[in-house]
Amino acid sequence: MPGCCIQSQALRLKEGIMIRKLKPADRNYLEKMLMKVIQFDASEVSVAMELIDMALYRPEQEDYIIYVYEENGTVSGYYCTGRRALTDGVFDLYWIVVSPDAQGKGLGSLLIKHAEDIVIENKGRWLLAETSSKESYTATRNFYIKSAYTIVAKIDNFYKVNDGLIIFGKYFQQK
């Protein structure tokens, strides 16, 4: 909803490790990281960078909120979330990415938990994540299932023939 501000503090996990808001100095790290992810083609990297640039260079916008995982000065992952327009408590998880050389260490789980905490702090009811049905996205779909997300919608041949859209969601009870 317009005028709603998504706020959360940086999360210091231990000395030298934190999840914090995106800074301009992170941009090049994130672009290089995105280009290393074999599932992403050039158009996907371009869209991800567009959202990163919106978050960095249009501080008045509230659609794209980005947090990064930083360990000893190195950014190894990030997520982008935001409130879905025209809803009173639905958030989208636009991107969640862990650098290929840092995968398998639980960073994705830390990032998605942080995103969920932001949704809850901002009175959100749903966090939705869209992904592809392509075989190359099997690990991504398994990640959402492992994180207690369910498939709430599926559209075959969405992105292109034989590449459907799968929407995962997690519902949060209001207290």
Foldseek 3Di string as FASTA:
>chain_A
DPPAAQDDAWADPDVQKIKHWDEPVCLVLVLVQQVQPVVDDPVNSVVVSVLVCCVHPVVVDQAWTKIFITGNRHTFWMWIKGADPPDDAEMETEDTDGRPVPPPPCPSVVRVVVVVVSSLVRVHFKYKYKDKPDPSCPVVVVVLVVSVWDFPDKDAQDVHHRIIMTMTMDGDDHD
